[in-house]
Amino acid sequence: MILGNKLKKLEDSIDTHVIDVSKYNYSEVPVVLAFYELEGYPKLILELNRERNACKSYEEKELFLNKYKKVYLSERKMYRCILKNLINGTVKIRYSETLRGQEEYLFGALNRFKKFDRQKSLNENLCEYMKAKLRQKIHDVNQELYKLQNHPADYINTFSKFIGPNSISKYRKDIIVYKDVTIAETESNSYSVFYNENTTEDTKNALLNILAYFNGSPFFYYTENYNFNRKLLELYEQFDLLDMLRLREKNFFDRNRKEPFYLELPILKQKNDYNIVSIQDSEHEMIFELYHASLKQFESLPRCVFLYRVIEFGIVKHYQSLMRPSDFSHEEAIEYYADEIMVHRFNPLYYVDFGTYENENGTAIVRKRRAKYVNLTTKLKEEIKKIKLEWSNHSYLKNKSIGSIIYGTGRNAVAHGGGGRGNARYDYSMNYKHINDVNIFLELIARYIIEKLNPQLMNMVERRTNYYIQHNQYGDIFVQEKD
């Protein structure tokens, strides 16, 4: 039977004036209502999925887009019809008599989705619940229609590889889209990348690199080599952007006390309240790759080298085109960026300061202050002010400009080995922490250049910390810190 005939037959079989759960006892009704759907439509979608998955080429799969659209339009029409009748009071909700006297059980089971009014009858509450449920179903169908219209590749792409080492999105149901590539949750609470035979490697890698920028964490696509994957997992899990702040602490290398700061995954704003995060095309994908490479460097010295590569890219692609200098030095460009980062409003990257620390013996948790969310970029700006003061009082650095200090460390002492005693060393008492100070500048400059070259990414991250508090169910124990 052709699809049009199947849909006509299905629509004719649906009674839009009856919602019937009478065959279920009181303990089953909450589950049936919570997962309410018009049964014929998921079966049609499964049929289309099987047929589409049997296709080999992009062109063959593309032919199914219109078929999916027809199914969803029919489904939405029927949900809207039932909702309209429910609002007009012409829908009968049939339920078993076993439900009477079990109202509290029903209300308790369904209360998370829709608050019940105990002043109203059971039937009135069920009607209100079903109105909300039908609106949700219509919203879900609209989301699929939106994807078909704006991101059709999601219906053509196939699963490719898992992503490590950890979760890549705050909301697990988010579908993250860049060009014709999607990243979404798959089995075992992991994430995977989906693409098609027309997708380029550059596009696939660009999406992962962009998310690494948003999250401030390194990621990788799993290979077929299990042992190599395991090594990457162990390595990347050790990286923590907050180590830049920890290394600023006095006597850091002599301390055993651990203050639990945790970098939060950012909330990426969705489109039209759908669980779709759509990232606009970038004209400078390479800068994300360079920055992502810096996130894969565990220690300060190699990270400084990789961060400076981002700066060099920015000087060529941003500074020179913006300032158009006839003659300039890297020191001058860095000086310019060092000023700009202090007034730039970055996309936020929050960490959780629980306000506690372990005692020296690790046997107790000591509360030092109230818990709060802190914007990492704001905190790094505060550290830069302190670093500038420290350098201004340093016997050698006080006579140098900020640009020359950063250039001398990030470009010369760290990247080259021919400087003799001027080479940067793994000297934990001095050089190591100085390189970290330089990295704090370079980190913000790198993120500044990324955001200036990619203005389409600005305001993609949710700034309001109450959304993070609500998601994590932290409640009243947190106070908010403005960014």
Protein backbone atom coordinates (compact mmCIF):
# COMPACT_ATOMS: atom_id res chain seq x y z
CA MET A 1 0.00 0.00 0.00
CA ILE A 2 1.37 3.42 -0.93
CA LEU A 3 2.08 5.93 1.87
CA GLY A 4 -0.82 8.26 1.02
CA ASN A 5 -3.34 5.44 1.33
CA LYS A 6 -1.80 4.27 4.61
CA LEU A 7 -2.11 7.76 6.08
CA LYS A 8 -5.72 8.11 4.92
CA LYS A 9 -6.59 4.76 6.48
CA LEU A 10 -4.82 5.69 9.71
CA GLU A 11 -6.55 9.07 9.99
CA ASP A 12 -9.96 7.46 9.42
CA SER A 13 -9.26 4.95 12.21
CA ILE A 14 -8.60 7.62 14.86
CA ASP A 15 -11.52 8.78 16.97
CA THR A 16 -10.67 12.38 17.78
CA HIS A 17 -13.41 12.58 20.40
CA VAL A 18 -12.19 9.74 22.63
CA ILE A 19 -9.06 9.09 24.68
CA ASP A 20 -9.45 5.52 25.85
CA VAL A 21 -7.34 4.06 28.67
CA SER A 22 -10.16 1.95 30.10
CA LYS A 23 -8.39 -1.38 29.53
CA TYR A 24 -5.63 -0.44 31.97
CA ASN A 25 -5.85 -0.69 35.76
CA TYR A 26 -5.06 2.26 38.01
CA SER A 27 -1.35 1.37 38.37
CA GLU A 28 -0.85 1.27 34.59
CA VAL A 29 -2.72 4.45 33.68
CA PRO A 30 0.06 6.92 34.67
CA VAL A 31 2.53 5.15 32.37
CA VAL A 32 0.05 5.02 29.48
CA LEU A 33 -0.79 8.72 29.83
CA ALA A 34 2.84 9.76 30.27
CA PHE A 35 3.78 8.00 27.02
CA TYR A 36 0.57 8.78 25.17
CA GLU A 37 0.84 8.71 21.38
CA LEU A 38 -1.21 7.83 18.33
CA GLU A 39 0.10 4.33 17.80
CA GLY A 40 0.02 4.10 14.01
CA TYR A 41 2.48 6.92 13.37
CA PRO A 42 5.55 5.50 15.18
CA LYS A 43 5.01 2.27 13.22
CA LEU A 44 5.04 4.19 9.94
CA ILE A 45 8.22 6.01 10.97
CA LEU A 46 9.87 2.68 11.83
CA GLU A 47 8.93 1.34 8.40
CA LEU A 48 10.47 4.37 6.73
CA ASN A 49 13.59 4.01 8.88
CA ARG A 50 14.05 0.39 7.81
CA GLU A 51 13.61 1.26 4.15
CA ARG A 52 15.92 4.26 4.39
CA ASN A 53 18.62 2.32 6.25
CA ALA A 54 18.63 -0.24 3.45
CA CYS A 55 19.62 2.47 0.99
CA LYS A 56 23.27 2.99 0.16
CA SER A 57 23.56 6.41 -1.42
CA TYR A 58 22.80 9.94 -0.24
CA GLU A 59 20.46 10.44 -3.20
CA GLU A 60 18.40 7.36 -2.32
CA LYS A 61 18.00 8.44 1.30
CA GLU A 62 17.15 11.98 0.28
CA LEU A 63 14.02 10.69 -1.47
CA PHE A 64 12.60 9.72 1.93
CA LEU A 65 12.54 13.27 3.29
CA ASN A 66 9.19 14.08 1.71
CA LYS A 67 7.73 10.81 3.01
CA TYR A 68 8.73 11.66 6.58
CA LYS A 69 7.23 15.11 6.14
CA LYS A 70 3.88 13.64 5.03
CA VAL A 71 3.75 11.35 8.08
CA TYR A 72 4.54 14.16 10.52
CA LEU A 73 2.07 16.57 8.94
CA SER A 74 -0.68 13.96 9.23
CA GLU A 75 0.29 13.19 12.83
CA ARG A 76 0.29 16.87 13.79
CA LYS A 77 -3.10 17.37 12.17
CA MET A 78 -4.62 14.57 14.26
CA TYR A 79 -3.04 15.78 17.51
CA ARG A 80 -4.31 19.29 16.84
CA CYS A 81 -7.79 17.97 16.13
CA ILE A 82 -7.90 16.03 19.42
CA LEU A 83 -6.59 19.06 21.32
CA LYS A 84 -9.19 21.34 19.73
CA ASN A 85 -11.97 18.93 20.68
CA LEU A 86 -10.57 18.61 24.20
CA ILE A 87 -10.58 22.40 24.62
CA ASN A 88 -14.16 22.52 23.31
CA GLY A 89 -15.21 19.85 25.79
CA THR A 90 -16.18 17.27 23.17
CA VAL A 91 -13.61 14.62 24.10
CA LYS A 92 -14.49 11.73 26.40
CA ILE A 93 -11.64 10.32 28.49
CA ARG A 94 -12.49 6.73 29.29
CA TYR A 95 -10.77 5.09 32.22
CA SER A 96 -11.28 2.08 34.45
CA GLU A 97 -13.35 2.40 37.61
CA THR A 98 -10.28 1.10 39.46
CA LEU A 99 -8.89 4.61 39.10
CA ARG A 100 -11.54 6.09 41.38
CA GLY A 101 -10.24 6.33 44.89
CA GLN A 102 -6.67 6.25 43.58
CA GLU A 103 -6.48 9.92 42.65
CA GLU A 104 -3.52 10.59 44.96
CA TYR A 105 -1.57 7.76 43.36
CA LEU A 106 -2.29 9.15 39.89
CA PHE A 107 -1.52 12.74 40.87
CA GLY A 108 1.74 11.73 42.52
CA ALA A 109 2.89 9.70 39.52
CA LEU A 110 2.14 12.43 36.96
CA ASN A 111 2.82 15.52 39.05
CA ARG A 112 6.31 16.16 37.62
CA PHE A 113 4.86 16.87 34.18
CA LYS A 114 1.66 18.68 35.16
CA LYS A 115 0.56 20.04 38.50
CA PHE A 116 -2.84 18.79 39.56
CA ASP A 117 -5.58 20.86 41.18
CA ARG A 118 -7.08 18.88 44.02
CA GLN A 119 -10.08 21.19 44.04
CA LYS A 120 -11.08 19.82 40.63
CA SER A 121 -12.55 16.45 39.76
CA LEU A 122 -10.54 13.52 38.45
CA ASN A 123 -11.97 14.01 34.97
CA GLU A 124 -11.15 17.74 34.94
CA ASN A 125 -7.57 17.03 36.00
CA LEU A 126 -7.18 14.36 33.34
CA CYS A 127 -8.45 16.80 30.71
CA GLU A 128 -5.93 19.44 31.76
CA TYR A 129 -3.16 16.85 31.80
CA MET A 130 -4.00 15.65 28.29
CA LYS A 131 -4.10 19.22 26.96
CA ALA A 132 -0.52 19.66 28.17
CA LYS A 133 0.49 16.25 26.82
CA LEU A 134 -1.02 16.95 23.39
CA ARG A 135 0.77 20.31 23.22
CA GLN A 136 3.99 18.48 24.00
CA LYS A 137 3.34 15.94 21.23
CA ILE A 138 2.62 18.74 18.76
CA HIS A 139 5.86 20.44 19.83
CA ASP A 140 7.79 17.19 19.28
CA VAL A 141 6.31 16.76 15.80
CA ASN A 142 7.08 20.39 14.97
CA GLN A 143 10.67 19.73 15.95
CA GLU A 144 10.93 16.88 13.45
CA LEU A 145 9.40 19.06 10.75
CA TYR A 146 11.89 21.80 11.63
CA LYS A 147 14.76 19.34 11.24
CA LEU A 148 13.45 18.13 7.90
CA GLN A 149 13.21 21.72 6.68
CA ASN A 150 16.42 23.15 8.12
CA HIS A 151 18.70 20.19 8.85
CA PRO A 152 17.66 17.39 6.49
CA ALA A 153 21.06 15.71 6.86
CA ASP A 154 19.89 14.47 10.27
CA TYR A 155 17.55 12.12 8.39
CA ILE A 156 20.28 11.03 5.98
CA ASN A 157 23.33 10.72 8.20
CA THR A 158 24.40 7.43 9.74
CA PHE A 159 26.23 6.62 12.96
CA SER A 160 29.99 6.73 12.64
CA LYS A 161 32.13 7.01 15.77
CA PHE A 162 31.87 7.44 19.52
CA ILE A 163 33.28 10.55 21.19
CA GLY A 164 35.54 10.59 24.24
CA PRO A 165 36.51 11.11 26.92
CA ASN A 166 33.39 12.51 28.60
CA SER A 167 29.99 14.06 28.00
CA ILE A 168 30.04 16.78 25.37
CA SER A 169 26.68 18.49 26.03
CA LYS A 170 24.90 19.77 29.13
CA TYR A 171 21.50 18.50 28.01
CA ARG A 172 21.69 14.87 26.97
CA LYS A 173 18.89 15.15 24.42
CA ASP A 174 20.59 17.96 22.52
CA ILE A 175 21.32 17.37 18.86
CA ILE A 176 24.27 19.55 17.85
CA VAL A 177 24.40 20.44 14.16
CA TYR A 178 27.17 21.95 12.06
CA LYS A 179 26.72 21.98 8.29
CA ASP A 180 25.84 18.34 7.43
CA VAL A 181 27.28 16.78 10.61
CA THR A 182 25.41 16.03 13.83
CA ILE A 183 26.51 14.96 17.28
CA ALA A 184 23.92 13.30 19.51
CA GLU A 185 23.53 10.96 22.45
CA THR A 186 23.73 7.25 21.65
CA GLU A 187 23.89 4.04 23.63
CA SER A 188 25.25 3.83 27.19
CA ASN A 189 24.92 7.59 27.72
CA SER A 190 27.72 8.24 25.24
CA TYR A 191 27.85 10.66 22.31
CA SER A 192 28.54 9.89 18.68
CA VAL A 193 29.04 11.72 15.41
CA PHE A 194 26.73 11.18 12.44
CA TYR A 195 27.53 12.09 8.85
CA ASN A 196 27.10 10.93 5.26
CA GLU A 197 29.26 10.09 2.26
CA ASN A 198 29.27 13.73 1.14
CA THR A 199 30.64 14.96 4.47
CA THR A 200 34.25 16.15 4.50
CA GLU A 201 36.75 15.27 7.21
CA ASP A 202 37.27 18.99 7.78
CA THR A 203 33.59 19.49 8.63
CA LYS A 204 33.47 16.48 10.93
CA ASN A 205 36.57 17.66 12.81
CA ALA A 206 35.45 21.29 12.84
CA LEU A 207 32.34 20.46 14.86
CA LEU A 208 34.36 18.65 17.52
CA ASN A 209 36.89 21.49 17.63
CA ILE A 210 34.15 24.12 18.04
CA LEU A 211 32.61 22.18 20.93
CA ALA A 212 36.05 21.91 22.55
CA TYR A 213 36.21 25.72 22.49
CA PHE A 214 32.76 26.05 24.06
CA ASN A 215 33.52 23.44 26.74
CA GLY A 216 37.15 24.28 27.45
CA SER A 217 37.94 20.56 27.29
CA PRO A 218 39.63 18.20 24.81
CA PHE A 219 37.70 15.53 22.90
CA PHE A 220 38.47 12.88 20.31
CA TYR A 221 36.73 10.48 17.96
CA TYR A 222 37.29 6.87 18.89
CA THR A 223 39.57 4.85 16.63
CA GLU A 224 39.49 1.10 15.99
CA ASN A 225 42.53 0.72 18.25
CA TYR A 226 41.26 -0.02 21.76
CA ASN A 227 44.60 0.52 23.52
CA PHE A 228 45.15 3.86 21.81
CA ASN A 229 41.64 4.97 22.78
CA ARG A 230 42.33 4.03 26.38
CA LYS A 231 45.52 6.08 26.43
CA LEU A 232 43.74 9.11 24.99
CA LEU A 233 40.95 8.72 27.54
CA GLU A 234 43.40 8.67 30.44
CA LEU A 235 45.37 11.60 29.03
CA TYR A 236 42.48 13.91 28.16
CA GLU A 237 40.66 13.24 31.42
CA GLN A 238 43.65 14.74 33.23
CA PHE A 239 43.39 18.09 31.48
CA ASP A 240 41.68 20.80 33.50
CA LEU A 241 41.53 24.41 32.38
CA LEU A 242 41.18 25.38 36.04
CA ASP A 243 44.77 24.30 36.69
CA MET A 244 45.74 27.79 35.50
CA LEU A 245 44.02 29.14 38.60
CA ARG A 246 45.42 26.45 40.90
CA LEU A 247 48.97 27.18 39.77
CA ARG A 248 48.48 30.79 40.83
CA GLU A 249 48.18 29.71 44.46
CA LYS A 250 51.16 30.36 46.69
CA ASN A 251 53.05 27.24 47.74
CA PHE A 252 50.93 25.23 45.29
CA PHE A 253 53.56 22.49 44.94
CA ASP A 254 53.85 22.09 48.71
CA ARG A 255 50.13 21.84 49.46
CA ASN A 256 48.08 18.70 49.98
CA ARG A 257 44.79 20.50 50.45
CA LYS A 258 42.37 20.16 47.56
CA GLU A 259 39.63 22.66 46.85
CA PRO A 260 37.02 21.05 44.59
CA PHE A 261 36.48 23.38 41.64
CA TYR A 262 34.65 21.80 38.72
CA LEU A 263 34.33 23.24 35.25
CA GLU A 264 30.73 23.07 34.05
CA LEU A 265 29.65 22.20 30.56
CA PRO A 266 28.04 25.33 29.11
CA ILE A 267 24.35 25.42 28.26
CA LEU A 268 24.20 26.00 24.52
CA LYS A 269 21.07 27.81 23.46
CA GLN A 270 18.54 25.81 21.49
CA LYS A 271 16.57 26.81 18.41
CA ASN A 272 12.87 27.60 18.93
CA ASP A 273 12.88 25.65 22.21
CA TYR A 274 13.71 22.47 20.29
CA ASN A 275 16.53 20.23 21.46
CA ILE A 276 18.61 21.37 18.48
CA VAL A 277 21.79 23.40 18.83
CA SER A 278 22.59 24.82 15.42
CA ILE A 279 26.08 26.21 14.90
CA GLN A 280 26.44 28.61 12.00
CA ASP A 281 29.22 28.09 9.48
CA SER A 282 32.66 29.42 10.33
CA GLU A 283 35.03 31.00 7.83
CA HIS A 284 37.95 30.24 10.15
CA GLU A 285 37.65 26.59 11.14
CA MET A 286 41.42 26.29 11.50
CA ILE A 287 41.51 28.49 14.60
CA PHE A 288 39.31 26.01 16.45
CA GLU A 289 41.66 23.20 15.49
CA LEU A 290 44.65 25.16 16.78
CA TYR A 291 42.89 26.00 20.04
CA HIS A 292 41.66 22.43 20.51
CA ALA A 293 45.25 21.21 20.12
CA SER A 294 46.23 23.46 23.04
CA LEU A 295 43.60 21.80 25.22
CA LYS A 296 45.32 18.46 24.65
CA GLN A 297 48.51 19.68 26.37
CA PHE A 298 48.51 18.74 30.02
CA GLU A 299 51.43 20.87 31.25
CA SER A 300 52.09 24.59 31.04
CA LEU A 301 55.14 24.57 28.78
CA PRO A 302 53.74 22.61 25.80
CA ARG A 303 50.38 24.35 26.22
CA CYS A 304 52.13 27.70 25.89
CA VAL A 305 53.58 26.60 22.55
CA PHE A 306 50.20 25.51 21.24
CA LEU A 307 48.37 28.57 22.53
CA TYR A 308 50.85 30.80 20.77
CA ARG A 309 49.98 29.11 17.48
CA VAL A 310 46.46 30.46 17.97
CA ILE A 311 47.90 33.94 18.53
CA GLU A 312 49.98 33.73 15.35
CA PHE A 313 46.89 32.73 13.38
CA GLY A 314 44.99 35.64 14.91
CA ILE A 315 47.70 38.16 14.11
CA VAL A 316 47.55 37.17 10.44
CA LYS A 317 43.78 36.73 10.07
CA HIS A 318 42.51 39.35 12.52
CA TYR A 319 45.07 41.92 13.68
CA GLN A 320 46.64 42.65 10.30
CA SER A 321 43.31 42.90 8.49
CA LEU A 322 41.85 45.06 11.28
CA MET A 323 44.75 47.44 11.90
CA ARG A 324 46.37 47.26 8.44
CA PRO A 325 49.79 48.30 9.80
CA SER A 326 52.53 49.01 7.26
CA ASP A 327 55.04 47.71 9.76
CA PHE A 328 54.42 46.02 13.09
CA SER A 329 55.87 43.60 15.62
CA HIS A 330 54.30 40.67 17.40
CA GLU A 331 54.89 42.51 20.66
CA GLU A 332 52.68 45.37 19.46
CA ALA A 333 49.92 42.98 18.42
CA ILE A 334 50.04 41.18 21.76
CA GLU A 335 49.97 44.52 23.58
CA TYR A 336 46.81 45.39 21.66
CA TYR A 337 45.16 42.09 22.53
CA ALA A 338 46.23 42.32 26.18
CA ASP A 339 44.21 45.54 26.45
CA GLU A 340 41.23 44.26 24.46
CA ILE A 341 40.67 41.12 26.54
CA MET A 342 40.12 43.20 29.67
CA VAL A 343 37.03 44.90 28.22
CA HIS A 344 35.71 42.10 26.01
CA ARG A 345 32.58 40.24 27.17
CA PHE A 346 33.41 36.59 26.53
CA ASN A 347 31.08 33.70 26.10
CA PRO A 348 30.86 32.44 29.70
CA LEU A 349 32.53 29.28 30.93
CA TYR A 350 31.44 28.58 34.48
CA TYR A 351 33.00 26.54 37.20
CA VAL A 352 31.52 25.49 40.50
CA ASP A 353 33.20 26.71 43.65
CA PHE A 354 31.63 24.59 46.35
CA GLY A 355 33.33 26.69 49.02
CA THR A 356 34.86 23.64 50.68
CA TYR A 357 38.23 21.92 50.85
CA GLU A 358 39.70 18.74 52.27
CA ASN A 359 41.90 19.04 55.34
CA GLU A 360 45.59 18.15 55.09
CA ASN A 361 44.92 14.54 56.10
CA GLY A 362 42.02 14.13 53.69
CA THR A 363 39.79 13.00 56.54
CA ALA A 364 37.31 15.86 56.64
CA ILE A 365 35.61 18.47 54.49
CA VAL A 366 36.00 22.04 55.72
CA ARG A 367 33.57 24.74 54.61
CA LYS A 368 35.39 27.96 53.84
CA ARG A 369 32.70 30.02 52.11
CA ARG A 370 29.31 29.71 50.47
CA ALA A 371 29.10 27.79 47.22
CA LYS A 372 28.76 29.79 44.03
CA TYR A 373 29.16 29.79 40.27
CA VAL A 374 32.12 31.72 38.88
CA ASN A 375 32.77 32.73 35.29
CA LEU A 376 36.27 31.49 34.44
CA THR A 377 36.96 34.31 31.97
CA THR A 378 36.09 36.88 34.63
CA LYS A 379 38.37 35.14 37.12
CA LEU A 380 41.23 35.06 34.61
CA LYS A 381 40.83 38.82 34.11
CA GLU A 382 41.22 39.27 37.86
CA GLU A 383 44.39 37.18 37.81
CA ILE A 384 45.78 39.23 34.92
CA LYS A 385 45.48 42.40 37.02
CA LYS A 386 47.48 40.67 39.77
CA ILE A 387 50.06 39.36 37.30
CA LYS A 388 50.58 42.83 35.83
CA LEU A 389 51.24 44.18 39.32
CA GLU A 390 53.67 41.35 40.07
CA TRP A 391 55.56 41.93 36.83
CA SER A 392 55.73 45.68 37.50
CA ASN A 393 57.56 44.91 40.76
CA HIS A 394 59.83 42.21 39.32
CA SER A 395 63.51 43.15 39.15
CA TYR A 396 63.88 42.03 35.52
CA LEU A 397 60.36 42.18 34.05
CA LYS A 398 59.44 45.64 35.36
CA ASN A 399 61.32 47.31 32.53
CA LYS A 400 59.59 45.27 29.82
CA SER A 401 56.21 45.75 28.18
CA ILE A 402 53.44 43.17 28.51
CA GLY A 403 53.80 42.37 24.82
CA SER A 404 57.53 41.73 25.04
CA ILE A 405 57.16 39.53 28.14
CA ILE A 406 54.51 37.37 26.53
CA TYR A 407 56.34 37.24 23.19
CA GLY A 408 59.66 36.49 24.86
CA THR A 409 58.17 33.59 26.78
CA GLY A 410 55.49 32.25 24.45
CA ARG A 411 57.38 32.60 21.17
CA ASN A 412 61.08 32.47 22.06
CA ALA A 413 61.89 30.83 25.38
CA VAL A 414 59.26 28.10 25.12
CA ALA A 415 59.21 27.34 21.40
CA HIS A 416 62.98 27.35 20.76
CA GLY A 417 65.96 25.58 22.26
CA GLY A 418 68.86 27.68 21.05
CA GLY A 419 68.65 30.30 23.74
CA GLY A 420 70.93 28.59 26.23
CA ARG A 421 70.11 29.83 29.71
CA GLY A 422 67.19 31.75 28.19
CA ASN A 423 65.34 28.56 27.31
CA ALA A 424 62.17 27.89 29.28
CA ARG A 425 62.66 25.01 31.72
CA TYR A 426 60.60 22.63 33.79
CA ASP A 427 61.61 24.56 36.88
CA TYR A 428 58.65 24.17 39.23
CA SER A 429 59.85 26.89 41.58
CA MET A 430 60.03 29.66 38.98
CA ASN A 431 59.76 29.05 35.22
CA TYR A 432 56.78 26.72 35.39
CA LYS A 433 54.57 29.22 37.21
CA HIS A 434 55.78 32.11 35.06
CA ILE A 435 54.79 30.20 31.92
CA ASN A 436 51.39 29.62 33.52
CA ASP A 437 51.05 33.37 34.08
CA VAL A 438 51.76 33.92 30.38
CA ASN A 439 49.26 31.19 29.51
CA ILE A 440 46.51 33.07 31.34
CA PHE A 441 47.04 35.98 28.95
CA LEU A 442 47.28 33.64 25.96
CA GLU A 443 44.14 31.74 26.94
CA LEU A 444 42.01 34.87 26.97
CA ILE A 445 43.67 36.26 23.85
CA ALA A 446 43.01 32.97 22.04
CA ARG A 447 39.35 32.96 23.04
CA TYR A 448 39.08 36.66 22.16
CA ILE A 449 40.42 36.08 18.65
CA ILE A 450 38.12 33.08 18.19
CA GLU A 451 35.10 35.16 19.14
CA LYS A 452 36.12 38.14 17.02
CA LEU A 453 36.64 35.94 13.96
CA ASN A 454 33.39 34.08 14.68
CA PRO A 455 30.82 36.65 15.85
CA GLN A 456 28.05 34.20 14.96
CA LEU A 457 29.01 32.21 18.07
CA MET A 458 28.46 35.10 20.47
CA ASN A 459 25.43 34.77 22.74
CA MET A 460 25.16 31.04 21.99
CA VAL A 461 25.98 30.23 25.61
CA GLU A 462 23.42 30.72 28.37
CA ARG A 463 24.72 33.32 30.84
CA ARG A 464 22.02 33.06 33.50
CA THR A 465 23.41 30.84 36.25
CA ASN A 466 19.97 29.99 37.59
CA TYR A 467 19.61 27.66 34.58
CA TYR A 468 22.73 25.79 35.72
CA ILE A 469 21.55 25.69 39.30
CA GLN A 470 18.17 24.34 38.24
CA HIS A 471 19.71 21.72 35.95
CA ASN A 472 22.01 20.45 38.71
CA GLN A 473 19.31 20.78 41.38
CA TYR A 474 21.64 22.80 43.61
CA GLY A 475 18.78 24.91 44.96
CA ASP A 476 19.45 27.58 47.52
CA ILE A 477 22.99 26.52 48.45
CA PHE A 478 24.40 28.62 45.61
CA VAL A 479 24.69 32.37 45.30
CA GLN A 480 25.17 33.89 41.88
CA GLU A 481 28.19 35.87 40.85
CA LYS A 482 27.67 38.36 38.03
CA ASP A 483 29.97 38.12 35.04
